[in-house]
Amino acid sequence: MNTPEQLLRDRVRALSLSRINRRHLLALAGGSTLAGLLPAGARAESAWPSKSVRFVVPFAPGGSSEIVARSTAAELTKLLGQSVYVDNKPGAAGNIAMQEVARSDDQHTVILGHIGTLAVNPYIFDKLPYDANKDFKPVSLLAKVPSLYVVHPDVPVNNLRELIAYAKQKPGKLSYGSAGNGSAGHLAFEYLKMTADFFMLHVPYRGTGPMMQDLLSGRLDAAAVGAAALLPFIKSGKVRCIATGSTQRLPQIPDVPTVAEQGFPGFEMTQWYGMLAPSTMKPEHIDRLAVECAKAVKAPDSQKRLQGDAAEAIGGTPAQFAQFISTEQQRWQKVLKRAGVKPD
């Protein structure tokens, strides 16, 4: 029969073995088991994103912004292991959504940055409810969508050089339309006018739809619009494309030369879209998003959606996107000042 002393020694030995085995099992199990022993807050912090990510789009559904945002969100959902959903918040040239996200301290909210909200609005509005450079952190430049320069078939020109010559022969007689003052189409034509030194009257509309109706009917002579909205009308002959704002010819319309090819080297006019985060988002989350965004826009399904819109997938680092925004702001500040653009 065991004495009390022997029973005590056996119990101590059993407890020691139990501790050794437990440490061994934890070591074998690795981080997943250890993570389960952490407090809930620590687990959430180490496994970002810990919930769905809200991707705000400051425009109404439809158009290039929608295609870029939804294709990116679909791929990010696979890569991040959490749902990434698009939330459209249109109004006030994108300023409403930008203000909301600028004030957010949520680590799971991002926004689609755009040429208008980042490089135009700061120079045409006397006061903005957000600071484009201080309230946001660039994540990644996602895609570029080229502007196409088109004329109504009744305008007797076949290329950009002929349009410039025709406009100079009829000063003040030719008009071009846009979706409104400060819109991408307005910028595209003003930039072309400044570069090529000619004049056409600007007619602003309340959106691309009404403008396109007047262009197709012949009440407008010309316009510059994103490729997605124009390609069907170009192929049907309802408008004639005389130049693309891309750096290379588009495979969808390979016979149409770029503006640069027609005597204006270095010219580029594209609408661009990138992801921004509130300035409160942690750097490690920004870096993770940037890596996954680069993968997302280059994924086969995403490429298929973007190419259907004649969009070019970009991707890139936060530093590269920050430099791109700075360059675009310098460029458009000059154009806007010269053209005297004011918001509607």
Protein backbone atom coordinates (compact mmCIF):
# COMPACT_ATOMS: atom_id res chain seq x y z
CA MET A 1 0.00 0.00 0.00
CA ASN A 2 1.35 3.43 -0.97
CA THR A 3 2.25 5.72 1.85
CA PRO A 4 1.01 9.36 1.91
CA GLU A 5 4.53 10.48 0.91
CA GLN A 6 4.53 8.21 -2.16
CA LEU A 7 1.04 9.41 -3.20
CA LEU A 8 2.24 13.03 -3.01
CA ARG A 9 5.33 12.27 -5.12
CA ASP A 10 3.21 10.51 -7.78
CA ARG A 11 0.79 13.45 -7.97
CA VAL A 12 3.63 15.97 -8.38
CA ARG A 13 5.16 13.79 -11.15
CA ALA A 14 1.79 13.55 -12.95
CA LEU A 15 1.26 17.30 -12.82
CA SER A 16 4.75 17.93 -14.21
CA LEU A 17 4.18 15.55 -17.12
CA SER A 18 0.82 17.19 -17.79
CA ARG A 19 2.46 20.61 -18.06
CA ILE A 20 5.20 19.26 -20.34
CA ASN A 21 2.68 17.54 -22.62
CA ARG A 22 0.52 20.64 -22.74
CA ARG A 23 3.46 22.82 -23.79
CA HIS A 24 4.41 20.26 -26.41
CA LEU A 25 0.89 20.13 -27.84
CA LEU A 26 0.67 23.93 -27.99
CA ALA A 27 3.98 24.12 -29.81
CA LEU A 28 2.81 21.54 -32.34
CA ALA A 29 -0.53 23.26 -32.83
CA GLY A 30 1.15 26.57 -33.70
CA GLY A 31 -0.44 29.97 -34.07
CA SER A 32 -4.03 28.86 -34.61
CA THR A 33 -4.29 27.27 -31.14
CA LEU A 34 -2.43 30.12 -29.50
CA ALA A 35 -4.69 32.63 -31.23
CA GLY A 36 -7.68 30.83 -29.75
CA LEU A 37 -6.28 31.45 -26.25
CA LEU A 38 -5.93 35.21 -26.87
CA PRO A 39 -8.58 37.72 -25.77
CA ALA A 40 -11.19 38.52 -28.41
CA GLY A 41 -9.80 42.03 -29.05
CA ALA A 42 -6.30 40.70 -29.65
CA ARG A 43 -7.62 38.03 -32.04
CA ALA A 44 -9.52 40.69 -34.07
CA GLU A 45 -6.45 42.91 -34.26
CA SER A 46 -4.18 40.11 -35.48
CA ALA A 47 -6.64 38.83 -38.09
CA TRP A 48 -7.57 41.96 -40.03
CA PRO A 49 -10.02 42.24 -41.69
CA SER A 50 -12.21 40.82 -38.94
CA LYS A 51 -15.49 41.79 -40.61
CA SER A 52 -16.92 42.92 -43.96
CA VAL A 53 -15.12 45.76 -45.74
CA ARG A 54 -17.25 48.64 -47.04
CA PHE A 55 -16.06 50.04 -50.38
CA VAL A 56 -17.77 53.41 -50.88
CA VAL A 57 -18.29 54.72 -54.44
CA PRO A 58 -19.10 58.46 -54.55
CA PHE A 59 -21.21 58.15 -57.71
CA ALA A 60 -24.52 56.64 -58.77
CA PRO A 61 -24.57 53.02 -59.98
CA GLY A 62 -23.52 52.52 -63.61
CA GLY A 63 -20.53 53.60 -65.65
CA SER A 64 -16.85 52.97 -65.29
CA SER A 65 -16.69 53.65 -61.54
CA GLU A 66 -19.16 50.85 -60.91
CA ILE A 67 -17.29 48.36 -63.08
CA VAL A 68 -13.92 49.12 -61.49
CA ALA A 69 -15.29 49.01 -57.93
CA ARG A 70 -17.36 45.85 -58.29
CA SER A 71 -14.72 43.86 -60.15
CA THR A 72 -12.13 44.81 -57.53
CA ALA A 73 -14.48 44.07 -54.63
CA ALA A 74 -15.36 40.64 -56.00
CA GLU A 75 -11.71 39.60 -56.16
CA LEU A 76 -10.80 41.19 -52.81
CA THR A 77 -13.53 39.14 -51.16
CA LYS A 78 -11.68 36.00 -52.23
CA LEU A 79 -8.26 37.32 -51.25
CA LEU A 80 -9.13 38.84 -47.86
CA GLY A 81 -11.43 36.10 -46.65
CA GLN A 82 -14.10 38.66 -45.75
CA SER A 83 -16.89 40.18 -47.81
CA VAL A 84 -16.01 43.41 -49.61
CA TYR A 85 -19.20 45.18 -50.68
CA VAL A 86 -19.82 48.30 -52.77
CA ASP A 87 -21.85 51.12 -51.24
CA ASN A 88 -22.88 53.87 -53.70
CA LYS A 89 -23.13 57.32 -52.09
CA PRO A 90 -23.64 59.85 -54.91
CA GLY A 91 -24.13 63.59 -54.60
CA ALA A 92 -22.38 66.98 -54.80
CA ALA A 93 -19.73 65.85 -57.31
CA GLY A 94 -18.60 63.11 -54.93
CA ASN A 95 -18.14 65.46 -51.99
CA ILE A 96 -20.82 63.87 -49.79
CA ALA A 97 -19.17 60.44 -49.78
CA MET A 98 -15.67 61.88 -49.44
CA GLN A 99 -16.72 63.86 -46.38
CA GLU A 100 -18.32 60.83 -44.75
CA VAL A 101 -15.28 58.59 -45.22
CA ALA A 102 -12.84 61.35 -44.28
CA ARG A 103 -14.48 61.51 -40.86
CA SER A 104 -14.57 57.75 -40.38
CA ASP A 105 -12.34 56.00 -37.87
CA ASP A 106 -13.55 52.56 -38.98
CA GLN A 107 -10.71 50.24 -39.97
CA HIS A 108 -13.03 48.50 -42.43
CA THR A 109 -14.15 51.40 -44.70
CA VAL A 110 -12.43 52.52 -47.92
CA ILE A 111 -13.48 54.72 -50.85
CA LEU A 112 -13.01 54.88 -54.60
CA GLY A 113 -10.84 57.90 -55.42
CA HIS A 114 -11.31 59.58 -58.80
CA ILE A 115 -9.83 62.32 -60.95
CA GLY A 116 -12.76 64.54 -60.00
CA THR A 117 -12.75 64.14 -56.22
CA LEU A 118 -8.95 64.25 -55.89
CA ALA A 119 -7.60 66.46 -58.71
CA VAL A 120 -10.52 68.69 -59.74
CA ASN A 121 -12.81 69.46 -56.80
CA PRO A 122 -9.98 70.93 -54.66
CA TYR A 123 -9.49 73.64 -57.31
CA ILE A 124 -13.03 74.51 -58.37
CA PHE A 125 -14.88 74.57 -55.03
CA ASP A 126 -14.22 77.54 -52.75
CA LYS A 127 -14.59 75.28 -49.73
CA LEU A 128 -14.57 71.49 -49.49
CA PRO A 129 -15.78 69.39 -46.54
CA TYR A 130 -12.62 67.28 -46.82
CA ASP A 131 -8.92 67.67 -47.53
CA ALA A 132 -7.93 65.42 -50.42
CA ASN A 133 -4.35 65.12 -49.21
CA LYS A 134 -4.69 65.09 -45.41
CA ASP A 135 -7.90 63.18 -44.75
CA PHE A 136 -7.04 60.13 -46.84
CA LYS A 137 -4.23 57.65 -47.37
CA PRO A 138 -3.67 56.36 -50.92
CA VAL A 139 -3.87 52.58 -51.17
CA SER A 140 -3.55 51.65 -54.86
CA LEU A 141 -4.29 53.03 -58.32
CA LEU A 142 -6.75 50.46 -59.68
CA ALA A 143 -7.52 51.34 -63.32
CA LYS A 144 -7.53 53.95 -66.07
CA VAL A 145 -10.35 54.43 -68.57
CA PRO A 146 -9.41 56.37 -71.74
CA SER A 147 -11.46 59.29 -73.00
CA LEU A 148 -12.52 59.09 -76.64
CA TYR A 149 -12.95 62.17 -78.82
CA VAL A 150 -15.93 61.87 -81.12
CA VAL A 151 -17.94 64.00 -83.56
CA HIS A 152 -21.40 63.70 -85.05
CA PRO A 153 -21.25 62.09 -88.53
CA ASP A 154 -22.43 65.36 -90.13
CA VAL A 155 -19.25 67.13 -89.03
CA PRO A 156 -16.95 66.83 -92.09
CA VAL A 157 -13.79 65.68 -90.31
CA ASN A 158 -12.12 62.27 -90.02
CA ASN A 159 -9.27 62.95 -87.62
CA LEU A 160 -8.07 65.38 -84.99
CA ARG A 161 -6.04 67.56 -87.35
CA GLU A 162 -9.08 68.08 -89.55
CA LEU A 163 -11.24 68.98 -86.52
CA ILE A 164 -8.72 71.60 -85.38
CA ALA A 165 -8.55 73.13 -88.87
CA TYR A 166 -12.35 73.10 -89.23
CA ALA A 167 -12.83 74.75 -85.82
CA LYS A 168 -10.39 77.50 -86.78
CA GLN A 169 -12.26 78.09 -90.05
CA LYS A 170 -15.52 78.52 -88.09
CA PRO A 171 -14.54 80.33 -84.88
CA GLY A 172 -17.20 80.03 -82.22
CA LYS A 173 -19.51 77.96 -84.42
CA LEU A 174 -18.65 74.45 -83.21
CA SER A 175 -19.77 73.11 -79.85
CA TYR A 176 -18.91 70.21 -77.62
CA GLY A 177 -20.94 68.84 -74.72
CA SER A 178 -20.10 67.39 -71.32
CA ALA A 179 -21.86 65.95 -68.28
CA GLY A 180 -21.34 69.26 -66.48
CA ASN A 181 -18.76 71.83 -65.45
CA GLY A 182 -15.71 70.10 -64.03
CA SER A 183 -16.79 66.69 -65.34
CA ALA A 184 -14.28 64.34 -66.94
CA GLY A 185 -15.62 65.15 -70.42
CA HIS A 186 -15.24 68.87 -69.77
CA LEU A 187 -11.67 68.41 -68.60
CA ALA A 188 -10.81 66.19 -71.55
CA PHE A 189 -11.88 68.71 -74.16
CA GLU A 190 -10.42 71.72 -72.35
CA TYR A 191 -7.10 69.91 -72.07
CA LEU A 192 -7.20 69.15 -75.80
CA LYS A 193 -8.08 72.78 -76.63
CA MET A 194 -5.23 74.03 -74.48
CA THR A 195 -2.75 71.56 -75.99
CA ALA A 196 -3.76 72.07 -79.64
CA ASP A 197 -4.62 75.80 -79.33
CA PHE A 198 -8.11 75.95 -80.83
CA PHE A 199 -11.58 76.94 -79.62
CA MET A 200 -14.96 75.21 -79.39
CA LEU A 201 -17.95 76.30 -77.32
CA HIS A 202 -18.64 74.24 -74.20
CA VAL A 203 -22.24 73.20 -73.49
CA PRO A 204 -22.65 71.66 -70.00
CA TYR A 205 -25.46 69.17 -69.30
CA ARG A 206 -26.87 67.53 -66.19
CA GLY A 207 -25.28 64.17 -66.84
CA THR A 208 -23.88 62.10 -69.69
CA GLY A 209 -27.28 60.76 -70.77
CA PRO A 210 -28.84 64.10 -71.84
CA MET A 211 -25.59 65.16 -73.47
CA MET A 212 -25.41 61.95 -75.51
CA GLN A 213 -28.98 62.47 -76.74
CA ASP A 214 -28.08 65.85 -78.20
CA LEU A 215 -24.83 64.53 -79.66
CA LEU A 216 -26.59 61.65 -81.39
CA SER A 217 -29.29 63.97 -82.74
CA GLY A 218 -26.73 66.43 -84.15
CA ARG A 219 -27.51 69.33 -81.82
CA LEU A 220 -23.92 68.99 -80.57
CA ASP A 221 -20.89 68.70 -82.81
CA ALA A 222 -18.52 66.80 -80.55
CA ALA A 223 -17.77 65.33 -77.12
CA ALA A 224 -15.15 63.51 -75.11
CA VAL A 225 -16.54 60.58 -73.14
CA GLY A 226 -15.23 57.45 -71.44
CA ALA A 227 -14.82 54.50 -73.78
CA ALA A 228 -17.54 52.35 -72.20
CA ALA A 229 -20.34 54.79 -73.03
CA LEU A 230 -19.15 55.41 -76.60
CA LEU A 231 -17.97 52.11 -78.06
CA PRO A 232 -21.46 50.86 -79.04
CA PHE A 233 -22.26 54.12 -80.86
CA ILE A 234 -18.88 54.17 -82.62
CA LYS A 235 -19.36 50.63 -83.90
CA SER A 236 -22.89 51.43 -85.12
CA GLY A 237 -21.72 54.57 -86.93
CA LYS A 238 -23.84 56.97 -84.87
CA VAL A 239 -20.72 58.91 -83.87
CA ARG A 240 -17.28 59.08 -85.44
CA CYS A 241 -14.22 58.63 -83.22
CA ILE A 242 -11.34 60.86 -84.33
CA ALA A 243 -8.87 60.21 -81.50
CA THR A 244 -8.32 58.34 -78.25
CA GLY A 245 -6.82 59.82 -75.11
CA SER A 246 -4.94 56.62 -74.32
CA THR A 247 -1.19 56.22 -74.74
CA GLN A 248 -1.73 53.32 -77.17
CA ARG A 249 -4.45 52.44 -79.65
CA LEU A 250 -7.37 50.49 -78.25
CA PRO A 251 -7.90 46.93 -79.48
CA GLN A 252 -11.65 47.61 -79.73
CA ILE A 253 -11.05 50.39 -82.32
CA PRO A 254 -7.56 49.70 -83.68
CA ASP A 255 -7.93 52.04 -86.68
CA VAL A 256 -8.40 55.13 -84.50
CA PRO A 257 -5.09 56.88 -83.69
CA THR A 258 -4.27 58.41 -80.32
CA VAL A 259 -4.03 62.17 -79.82
CA ALA A 260 -0.28 61.72 -79.33
CA GLU A 261 0.05 60.05 -82.73
CA GLN A 262 -1.63 63.00 -84.40
CA GLY A 263 1.04 65.54 -83.55
CA PHE A 264 0.82 65.97 -79.76
CA PRO A 265 3.41 63.66 -78.19
CA GLY A 266 2.97 62.84 -74.52
CA PHE A 267 -0.74 63.64 -74.53
CA GLU A 268 -2.83 61.40 -72.27
CA MET A 269 -6.40 61.85 -71.11
CA THR A 270 -7.87 59.11 -68.98
CA GLN A 271 -10.33 58.87 -66.17
CA TRP A 272 -8.66 57.04 -63.32
CA TYR A 273 -9.85 55.25 -60.22
CA GLY A 274 -7.99 54.19 -57.10
CA MET A 275 -8.63 53.04 -53.55
CA LEU A 276 -8.25 55.43 -50.63
CA ALA A 277 -8.55 54.80 -46.90
CA PRO A 278 -9.37 57.24 -44.10
CA SER A 279 -6.23 58.76 -42.58
CA THR A 280 -6.98 56.83 -39.38
CA MET A 281 -6.45 53.42 -41.00
CA LYS A 282 -3.35 51.64 -39.72
CA PRO A 283 -0.33 51.39 -42.05
CA GLU A 284 -0.23 47.60 -41.90
CA HIS A 285 -3.83 47.46 -43.14
CA ILE A 286 -3.01 49.89 -45.96
CA ASP A 287 -0.07 47.73 -47.04
CA ARG A 288 -2.16 44.55 -46.95
CA LEU A 289 -4.88 46.17 -49.05
CA ALA A 290 -2.37 47.46 -51.60
CA VAL A 291 -0.88 44.01 -52.14
CA GLU A 292 -4.29 42.40 -52.54
CA CYS A 293 -5.61 45.20 -54.81
CA ALA A 294 -2.73 44.61 -57.22
CA LYS A 295 -3.70 40.95 -57.37
CA ALA A 296 -7.41 41.74 -57.64
CA VAL A 297 -7.25 44.00 -60.70
CA LYS A 298 -4.98 41.56 -62.53
CA ALA A 299 -7.13 38.48 -61.80
CA PRO A 300 -8.60 36.88 -64.98
CA ASP A 301 -12.24 37.63 -64.12
CA SER A 302 -11.41 41.21 -63.22
CA GLN A 303 -9.36 41.69 -66.38
CA LYS A 304 -12.26 40.43 -68.46
CA ARG A 305 -14.67 42.94 -66.90
CA LEU A 306 -12.24 45.84 -67.23
CA GLN A 307 -11.23 45.09 -70.81
CA GLY A 308 -14.90 45.07 -71.79
CA ASP A 309 -14.92 48.70 -70.62
CA ALA A 310 -11.63 49.43 -72.46
CA ALA A 311 -10.12 49.97 -69.01
CA GLU A 312 -6.48 49.32 -68.17
CA ALA A 313 -5.74 47.54 -64.90
CA ILE A 314 -2.91 49.19 -62.97
CA GLY A 315 -2.31 48.18 -59.34
CA GLY A 316 0.68 49.53 -57.44
CA THR A 317 1.94 50.68 -54.07
CA PRO A 318 0.56 53.44 -51.82
CA ALA A 319 3.66 55.55 -52.56
CA GLN A 320 3.18 55.20 -56.31
CA PHE A 321 -0.48 56.20 -56.07
CA ALA A 322 0.39 59.20 -53.86
CA GLN A 323 2.91 60.41 -56.44
CA PHE A 324 0.37 59.91 -59.24
CA ILE A 325 -2.25 61.98 -57.39
CA SER A 326 0.26 64.78 -56.82
CA THR A 327 1.19 64.88 -60.51
CA GLU A 328 -2.46 64.92 -61.58
CA GLN A 329 -3.26 67.73 -59.16
CA GLN A 330 -0.49 69.89 -60.60
CA ARG A 331 -1.65 69.21 -64.15
CA TRP A 332 -5.34 69.88 -63.63
CA GLN A 333 -4.85 72.94 -61.46
CA LYS A 334 -3.29 74.66 -64.48
CA VAL A 335 -5.99 73.50 -66.90
CA LEU A 336 -8.83 74.49 -64.58
CA LYS A 337 -7.38 77.92 -63.93
CA ARG A 338 -6.89 78.62 -67.62
CA ALA A 339 -10.38 77.38 -68.54
CA GLY A 340 -12.02 79.22 -65.64
CA VAL A 341 -13.96 76.12 -64.62
CA LYS A 342 -16.50 76.58 -61.83
CA PRO A 343 -18.91 73.99 -60.36
CA ASP A 344 -22.51 73.93 -61.59
